[in-house]
């Protein structure tokens, strides 16, 4: 117990013992106000439950007289314990003292625990505390079992399903490294008919690489039932997996069912393809041994070559353009390729090879 508190409390206690119970004269009023000041000062100095309890024992017997003497109602409120206000709620509420039912509930949770709030649920609702706020402060969802059991209880009480979803956020985040667990929790809310927009928004906001892969794999978990738009997930997935599929192996055949070859390519630019094919060294092999045999459309790739910015040596650009033309692209600007051909310092063999293509020699894959 601090010395300052002890000194101030002794002043308040001695003043209390000398006071009458009714403020009859201005002199009495002043003495009540002096007592109020001493009690309030002692309360501000109190640091322990025991010290606050000593103040409460005096102030709770004379708080009405303090108000009658003109004490500040908000300061008188500080001299009343949450438990006292709860027991004498109507009387305190009818006085000049302002009682915030929400603040009182938070204080009582600290003092008496969540079970006290739930046991007195109807009274709290009668006193203006909404059921969703009560639920958010009295239920704790830490496991899927908690979710299933407590959701049923809260729904009976009338708690909004959206509120329960918000309460489950911490569990969802904790399980996010395990996509199957997250899916299971979200599926629970899906079965409860939670708005798909809310579920889809949560997935978008909390999507990590593992969840991303699970979404795109689509097997065994179909995330589209939650209303997600795969267009939101394809671009990031393509950037993460670019080098796994732009290769000389027919890997494009292994694309997940949620993305086609055309969708995959549309999300790339020709610069990325150039870099992924060892700066063009493997471009022709990628074209013949992966892209075309996997069902890719040559003109879609040629369209990117024509219109995307490709930063590379002139000879590399010529090599890519000639390869596209050689294997059937119909939308290549042959005149531009001829101009590149004239500007390049090529070996004799390359000049012969490229000139055959530029002179409208088209070669099928089977002929290579």
Protein backbone atom coordinates (compact mmCIF):
# COMPACT_ATOMS: atom_id res chain seq x y z
CA UNK A 1 0.00 0.00 0.00
CA UNK A 2 1.46 3.35 -1.06
CA UNK A 3 2.07 6.03 1.52
CA UNK A 4 0.25 8.67 -0.55
CA UNK A 5 -2.84 6.49 -0.85
CA UNK A 6 -2.80 5.70 2.86
CA UNK A 7 -2.58 9.36 3.77
CA UNK A 8 -5.37 10.43 1.41
CA UNK A 9 -7.62 7.56 2.44
CA UNK A 10 -7.20 8.41 6.14
CA UNK A 11 -8.33 11.97 5.38
CA UNK A 12 -11.38 10.63 3.54
CA UNK A 13 -12.17 8.08 6.25
CA UNK A 14 -12.02 10.59 9.10
CA UNK A 15 -14.15 13.06 7.12
CA UNK A 16 -16.71 10.34 6.48
CA UNK A 17 -17.01 9.42 10.16
CA UNK A 18 -17.76 13.03 11.09
CA UNK A 19 -20.43 13.63 8.44
CA UNK A 20 -24.20 13.56 8.80
CA UNK A 21 -26.23 11.66 6.20
CA UNK A 22 -28.22 14.61 4.88
CA UNK A 23 -26.91 17.85 3.39
CA UNK A 24 -28.92 20.40 5.29
CA UNK A 25 -26.73 23.49 5.22
CA UNK A 26 -24.07 24.99 2.94
CA UNK A 27 -21.46 24.00 5.51
CA UNK A 28 -22.48 20.37 5.25
CA UNK A 29 -22.44 20.61 1.46
CA UNK A 30 -18.86 21.83 1.54
CA UNK A 31 -17.84 19.00 3.84
CA UNK A 32 -19.43 16.44 1.47
CA UNK A 33 -17.59 17.96 -1.47
CA UNK A 34 -14.33 17.89 0.49
CA UNK A 35 -14.99 14.23 1.25
CA UNK A 36 -15.67 13.58 -2.43
CA UNK A 37 -12.39 15.21 -3.37
CA UNK A 38 -10.50 13.09 -0.84
CA UNK A 39 -12.19 9.87 -2.00
CA UNK A 40 -11.60 10.65 -5.67
CA UNK A 41 -7.95 11.46 -5.01
CA UNK A 42 -7.54 8.22 -3.06
CA UNK A 43 -9.13 6.26 -5.91
CA UNK A 44 -6.73 7.76 -8.45
CA UNK A 45 -3.83 6.71 -6.20
CA UNK A 46 -5.19 3.20 -5.61
CA UNK A 47 -3.12 0.53 -7.35
CA UNK A 48 -4.53 -2.71 -5.98
CA UNK A 49 -7.92 -4.35 -5.68
CA UNK A 50 -7.70 -4.07 -1.89
CA UNK A 51 -7.03 -0.31 -2.03
CA UNK A 52 -9.93 0.27 -4.42
CA UNK A 53 -12.14 -1.88 -2.18
CA UNK A 54 -11.46 0.35 0.84
CA UNK A 55 -12.56 3.42 -1.13
CA UNK A 56 -15.64 1.66 -2.49
CA UNK A 57 -16.81 0.70 1.02
CA UNK A 58 -17.16 4.37 1.92
CA UNK A 59 -18.18 5.92 -1.39
CA UNK A 60 -20.89 3.35 -2.12
CA UNK A 61 -22.75 4.28 1.09
CA UNK A 62 -22.88 8.01 0.41
CA UNK A 63 -22.70 8.43 -3.39
CA UNK A 64 -26.27 9.82 -3.50
CA UNK A 65 -25.33 12.46 -0.94
CA UNK A 66 -22.23 13.36 -2.93
CA UNK A 67 -24.37 13.93 -6.01
CA UNK A 68 -26.87 15.96 -3.94
CA UNK A 69 -23.99 18.14 -2.75
CA UNK A 70 -23.05 18.84 -6.36
CA UNK A 71 -20.16 16.45 -6.95
CA UNK A 72 -19.19 15.74 -10.56
CA UNK A 73 -21.33 12.71 -11.69
CA UNK A 74 -18.55 11.27 -13.85
CA UNK A 75 -16.20 11.32 -10.83
CA UNK A 76 -18.86 9.78 -8.61
CA UNK A 77 -19.15 7.01 -11.25
CA UNK A 78 -15.47 6.20 -10.65
CA UNK A 79 -16.22 5.75 -6.95
CA UNK A 80 -18.75 2.97 -7.64
CA UNK A 81 -17.53 -0.55 -8.32
CA UNK A 82 -18.83 -2.33 -11.44
CA UNK A 83 -20.38 -5.00 -9.21
CA UNK A 84 -22.23 -2.37 -7.17
CA UNK A 85 -23.54 -0.68 -10.32
CA UNK A 86 -24.73 -4.05 -11.62
CA UNK A 87 -26.60 -4.83 -8.39
CA UNK A 88 -28.13 -1.34 -8.16
CA UNK A 89 -28.38 -0.69 -11.89
CA UNK A 90 -31.82 0.94 -11.94
CA UNK A 91 -31.05 3.25 -9.04
CA UNK A 92 -27.70 4.36 -10.46
CA UNK A 93 -29.16 4.72 -13.95
CA UNK A 94 -31.96 6.93 -12.58
CA UNK A 95 -29.42 9.29 -10.99
CA UNK A 96 -27.17 11.81 -12.71
CA UNK A 97 -24.47 9.16 -13.08
CA UNK A 98 -24.01 8.02 -16.65
CA UNK A 99 -23.84 4.24 -17.04
CA UNK A 100 -22.46 2.78 -20.28
CA UNK A 101 -23.81 -0.76 -20.43
CA UNK A 102 -21.06 -1.88 -22.82
CA UNK A 103 -18.30 -0.50 -20.60
CA UNK A 104 -19.95 -2.14 -17.59
CA UNK A 105 -20.01 -5.49 -19.40
CA UNK A 106 -16.29 -5.24 -20.27
CA UNK A 107 -15.48 -4.44 -16.63
CA UNK A 108 -17.56 -7.32 -15.32
CA UNK A 109 -15.85 -9.73 -17.72
CA UNK A 110 -12.55 -8.77 -16.09
CA UNK A 111 -13.94 -9.13 -12.59
CA UNK A 112 -16.40 -12.04 -12.82
CA UNK A 113 -15.52 -13.77 -16.07
CA UNK A 114 -17.39 -14.56 -19.29
CA UNK A 115 -19.67 -17.11 -17.67
CA UNK A 116 -21.21 -14.38 -15.51
CA UNK A 117 -22.18 -12.46 -18.65
CA UNK A 118 -23.74 -15.52 -20.27
CA UNK A 119 -25.68 -16.37 -17.09
CA UNK A 120 -27.10 -12.85 -17.12
CA UNK A 121 -27.52 -12.64 -20.87
CA UNK A 122 -31.13 -11.45 -20.88
CA UNK A 123 -30.41 -8.70 -18.36
CA UNK A 124 -27.52 -7.39 -20.44
CA UNK A 125 -29.74 -7.36 -23.51
CA UNK A 126 -32.48 -5.58 -21.56
CA UNK A 127 -29.88 -3.01 -20.54
CA UNK A 128 -28.96 -2.28 -24.16
CA UNK A 129 -26.04 -4.59 -24.98
CA UNK A 130 -26.55 -6.29 -28.36
CA UNK A 131 -26.16 -10.06 -28.61
CA UNK A 132 -23.37 -9.91 -31.22
CA UNK A 133 -21.15 -7.83 -28.92
CA UNK A 134 -21.86 -10.20 -26.03
CA UNK A 135 -20.93 -13.19 -28.21
CA UNK A 136 -17.70 -11.62 -29.45
CA UNK A 137 -16.59 -11.05 -25.87
CA UNK A 138 -17.81 -14.28 -24.29
CA UNK A 139 -17.10 -16.98 -26.88
CA UNK A 140 -13.67 -18.00 -28.12
CA UNK A 141 -13.29 -20.13 -31.24
CA UNK A 142 -9.94 -21.93 -31.13
CA UNK A 143 -10.67 -25.23 -32.92
CA UNK A 144 -13.04 -26.60 -35.54
CA UNK A 145 -14.89 -28.38 -32.72
CA UNK A 146 -15.32 -25.03 -30.93
CA UNK A 147 -16.70 -23.57 -34.14
CA UNK A 148 -19.25 -26.33 -34.62
CA UNK A 149 -20.45 -26.37 -31.01
CA UNK A 150 -20.37 -22.65 -30.28
CA UNK A 151 -21.84 -21.67 -33.63
CA UNK A 152 -24.90 -23.78 -32.87
CA UNK A 153 -25.22 -22.15 -29.43
CA UNK A 154 -24.78 -18.64 -30.77
CA UNK A 155 -27.23 -19.14 -33.61
CA UNK A 156 -29.89 -20.19 -31.09
CA UNK A 157 -29.19 -16.96 -29.18
CA UNK A 158 -29.62 -14.96 -32.38
CA UNK A 159 -25.99 -14.09 -33.13
CA UNK A 160 -25.44 -13.01 -36.72
CA UNK A 161 -23.56 -15.56 -38.84
CA UNK A 162 -21.29 -12.79 -40.16
CA UNK A 163 -20.25 -12.03 -36.58
CA UNK A 164 -19.38 -15.69 -36.01
CA UNK A 165 -17.31 -15.64 -39.20
CA UNK A 166 -15.39 -12.62 -37.89
CA UNK A 167 -14.85 -14.45 -34.60
CA UNK A 168 -13.43 -17.44 -36.48
CA UNK A 169 -10.88 -15.29 -38.32
CA UNK A 170 -8.05 -16.01 -35.87
CA UNK A 171 -8.61 -19.77 -36.29
CA UNK A 172 -8.69 -19.41 -40.08
CA UNK A 173 -5.44 -17.46 -40.07
CA UNK A 174 -3.81 -20.01 -37.76
CA UNK A 175 -4.78 -22.82 -40.14
CA UNK A 176 -3.81 -20.92 -43.32
CA UNK A 177 -0.53 -22.90 -43.83
CA UNK A 178 -2.78 -25.95 -44.30
CA UNK A 179 -5.14 -25.26 -47.23
CA UNK A 180 -7.23 -28.38 -46.60
CA UNK A 181 -7.98 -27.20 -43.03
CA UNK A 182 -8.89 -23.71 -44.22
CA UNK A 183 -11.12 -25.20 -46.90
CA UNK A 184 -12.87 -27.34 -44.28
CA UNK A 185 -13.55 -24.31 -42.05
CA UNK A 186 -14.81 -22.22 -44.97
CA UNK A 187 -16.97 -25.11 -46.14
CA UNK A 188 -18.61 -25.11 -42.71
CA UNK A 189 -19.68 -21.49 -43.25
CA UNK A 190 -20.68 -22.32 -46.83
CA UNK A 191 -23.04 -24.96 -45.46
CA UNK A 192 -24.44 -22.37 -43.02
CA UNK A 193 -25.28 -20.18 -46.05
CA UNK A 194 -22.83 -17.39 -45.24
CA UNK A 195 -22.59 -14.86 -48.06
CA UNK A 196 -20.23 -16.15 -50.76
CA UNK A 197 -18.96 -12.60 -51.16
CA UNK A 198 -17.62 -12.64 -47.59
CA UNK A 199 -15.94 -16.02 -48.04
CA UNK A 200 -14.42 -15.03 -51.39
CA UNK A 201 -13.16 -11.76 -49.92
CA UNK A 202 -11.50 -13.60 -47.03
CA UNK A 203 -9.74 -15.98 -49.42
CA UNK A 204 -8.51 -13.10 -51.57
CA UNK A 205 -7.19 -11.19 -48.55
CA UNK A 206 -5.46 -14.19 -46.94
CA UNK A 207 -4.31 -16.18 -49.96
CA UNK A 208 -0.78 -17.50 -49.43
CA UNK A 209 1.29 -19.58 -51.92
CA UNK A 210 -0.04 -22.89 -50.54
CA UNK A 211 -3.66 -21.81 -50.78
CA UNK A 212 -2.91 -20.39 -54.22
CA UNK A 213 -1.57 -23.72 -55.44
CA UNK A 214 -4.58 -25.54 -53.98
CA UNK A 215 -6.98 -23.17 -55.73
CA UNK A 216 -5.31 -23.67 -59.11
CA UNK A 217 -4.92 -27.43 -58.69
CA UNK A 218 -8.69 -27.74 -58.17
CA UNK A 219 -8.22 -31.34 -57.06
CA UNK A 220 -9.35 -32.59 -54.64
CA UNK A 221 -10.64 -29.20 -53.41
CA UNK A 222 -12.91 -27.08 -55.58
CA UNK A 223 -12.50 -23.53 -54.26
CA UNK A 224 -14.79 -22.05 -56.89
CA UNK A 225 -17.84 -23.10 -54.84
CA UNK A 226 -16.94 -20.18 -52.55
CA UNK A 227 -17.58 -17.69 -55.33
CA UNK A 228 -13.95 -16.82 -56.08
CA UNK A 229 -13.01 -15.47 -59.49
CA UNK A 230 -10.13 -17.49 -60.91
CA UNK A 231 -9.08 -14.45 -62.94
CA UNK A 232 -7.91 -12.97 -59.63
CA UNK A 233 -5.55 -15.92 -59.05
CA UNK A 234 -4.25 -16.91 -62.49
CA UNK A 235 -1.83 -13.95 -62.98
CA UNK A 236 0.04 -14.51 -59.71
CA UNK A 237 0.11 -18.27 -60.25
CA UNK A 238 1.55 -17.85 -63.75
CA UNK A 239 4.33 -15.59 -62.44
CA UNK A 240 5.14 -18.10 -59.69
CA UNK A 241 5.23 -21.06 -62.10
CA UNK A 242 6.50 -19.49 -65.31
CA UNK A 243 9.82 -21.34 -65.42
CA UNK A 244 8.18 -24.70 -64.71
CA UNK A 245 6.21 -24.55 -67.94
CA UNK A 246 8.29 -22.45 -70.36
CA UNK A 247 10.75 -25.24 -71.06
CA UNK A 248 11.80 -27.67 -73.78
CA UNK A 249 9.74 -30.42 -72.15
CA UNK A 250 6.02 -30.71 -73.01
CA UNK A 251 5.10 -29.33 -69.60
CA UNK A 252 2.26 -27.16 -70.87
CA UNK A 253 0.26 -30.36 -71.15
CA UNK A 254 0.50 -30.53 -67.33
CA UNK A 255 -1.19 -27.19 -66.69
CA UNK A 256 -3.90 -27.48 -64.01
CA UNK A 257 -7.51 -27.60 -65.21
CA UNK A 258 -8.12 -24.04 -64.01
CA UNK A 259 -5.93 -22.51 -66.74
CA UNK A 260 -5.65 -23.18 -70.46
CA UNK A 261 -2.51 -22.75 -72.56
CA UNK A 262 -4.01 -19.64 -74.14
CA UNK A 263 -4.88 -18.16 -70.73
CA UNK A 264 -1.36 -18.99 -69.53
CA UNK A 265 0.24 -17.24 -72.50
CA UNK A 266 -2.09 -14.25 -72.38
CA UNK A 267 -0.80 -13.51 -68.88
CA UNK A 268 2.81 -13.41 -70.10
CA UNK A 269 4.69 -11.00 -72.31
CA UNK A 270 7.23 -11.98 -74.93
CA UNK A 271 10.04 -10.65 -72.76
CA UNK A 272 9.25 -13.24 -70.07
CA UNK A 273 9.19 -16.01 -72.66
CA UNK A 274 12.51 -14.79 -74.05
CA UNK A 275 14.19 -14.83 -70.63
CA UNK A 276 12.66 -18.19 -69.66
CA UNK A 277 14.02 -19.80 -72.85
CA UNK A 278 17.59 -18.94 -71.90
CA UNK A 279 17.41 -15.55 -73.61
CA UNK A 280 16.06 -17.11 -76.79
CA UNK A 281 18.59 -19.96 -77.05
CA UNK A 282 15.86 -22.56 -76.46
CA UNK A 283 12.98 -20.65 -78.04
CA UNK A 284 12.62 -22.88 -81.10
CA UNK A 285 12.79 -26.03 -78.97
CA UNK A 286 10.19 -24.57 -76.58
CA UNK A 287 8.01 -23.80 -79.59
CA UNK A 288 8.25 -27.24 -81.21
CA UNK A 289 8.71 -29.59 -78.27
CA UNK A 290 6.38 -27.93 -75.74
CA UNK A 291 4.09 -25.15 -76.94
CA UNK A 292 2.81 -26.55 -80.23
CA UNK A 293 2.68 -30.21 -79.25
CA UNK A 294 0.71 -29.19 -76.14
CA UNK A 295 -1.90 -27.48 -78.30
CA UNK A 296 -0.72 -23.87 -78.17
CA UNK A 297 -1.81 -21.51 -80.96
CA UNK A 298 1.15 -20.18 -82.94
CA UNK A 299 -0.60 -16.95 -83.89
CA UNK A 300 -1.22 -16.04 -80.23
CA UNK A 301 2.51 -16.23 -79.54
CA UNK A 302 3.24 -14.36 -82.76
CA UNK A 303 0.80 -11.63 -81.72
CA UNK A 304 2.84 -11.04 -78.58
CA UNK A 305 6.03 -10.95 -80.61
CA UNK A 306 4.54 -8.30 -82.87
CA UNK A 307 3.04 -6.03 -80.24
CA UNK A 308 4.91 -6.55 -76.92
CA UNK A 309 8.17 -4.75 -76.24
CA UNK A 310 11.03 -7.19 -76.61
CA UNK A 311 14.37 -5.90 -75.35
CA UNK A 312 17.09 -8.11 -76.75
CA UNK A 313 19.91 -8.12 -79.36
CA UNK A 314 18.66 -7.71 -82.92
CA UNK A 315 19.86 -11.19 -83.89
CA UNK A 316 17.86 -12.79 -81.03
CA UNK A 317 14.73 -10.94 -82.13
CA UNK A 318 15.27 -12.11 -85.70
CA UNK A 319 15.75 -15.71 -84.55
CA UNK A 320 12.46 -15.71 -82.62
CA UNK A 321 10.53 -14.07 -85.45
CA UNK A 322 11.91 -16.50 -88.03
CA UNK A 323 11.03 -19.48 -85.80
CA UNK A 324 7.45 -18.27 -85.46
CA UNK A 325 7.18 -17.74 -89.20
CA UNK A 326 8.79 -21.09 -89.93
CA UNK A 327 6.20 -23.00 -87.92
CA UNK A 328 3.12 -21.40 -89.38
CA UNK A 329 2.48 -17.96 -87.85
CA UNK A 330 0.21 -16.00 -90.20
CA UNK A 331 0.36 -12.65 -88.46
CA UNK A 332 4.12 -11.96 -88.58
CA UNK A 333 5.26 -8.82 -90.37
CA UNK A 334 7.62 -10.39 -92.88
CA UNK A 335 8.92 -7.04 -94.09
CA UNK A 336 10.13 -6.11 -90.61
CA UNK A 337 11.90 -9.45 -90.33
CA UNK A 338 13.60 -8.84 -93.66
CA UNK A 339 14.78 -5.46 -92.35
CA UNK A 340 16.19 -7.16 -89.23
CA UNK A 341 17.79 -9.79 -91.44
CA UNK A 342 19.60 -7.10 -93.45
CA UNK A 343 20.90 -5.38 -90.29
CA UNK A 344 22.32 -8.51 -88.68
CA UNK A 345 25.87 -9.73 -89.14
CA UNK A 346 25.03 -13.43 -89.57
CA UNK A 347 27.14 -16.43 -90.38
CA UNK A 348 26.75 -17.95 -93.85
CA UNK A 349 24.81 -20.94 -92.52
CA UNK A 350 22.35 -18.72 -90.62
CA UNK A 351 21.85 -16.47 -93.62
CA UNK A 352 20.97 -19.48 -95.75
CA UNK A 353 18.72 -20.93 -93.03
CA UNK A 354 16.82 -17.69 -92.36
CA UNK A 355 16.53 -16.69 -96.01
CA UNK A 356 14.73 -19.91 -96.81
CA UNK A 357 12.06 -19.04 -94.23
CA UNK A 358 11.84 -15.42 -95.26
CA UNK A 359 11.33 -16.55 -98.85
CA UNK A 360 8.06 -18.14 -97.73
CA UNK A 361 9.36 -21.62 -97.02
CA UNK A 362 7.00 -23.00 -94.33
CA UNK A 363 8.12 -26.14 -92.50
CA UNK A 364 5.80 -28.40 -90.50
CA UNK A 365 6.92 -29.82 -87.13
CA UNK A 366 7.01 -33.33 -88.55
CA UNK A 367 9.53 -32.22 -91.14
CA UNK A 368 12.06 -30.92 -88.65
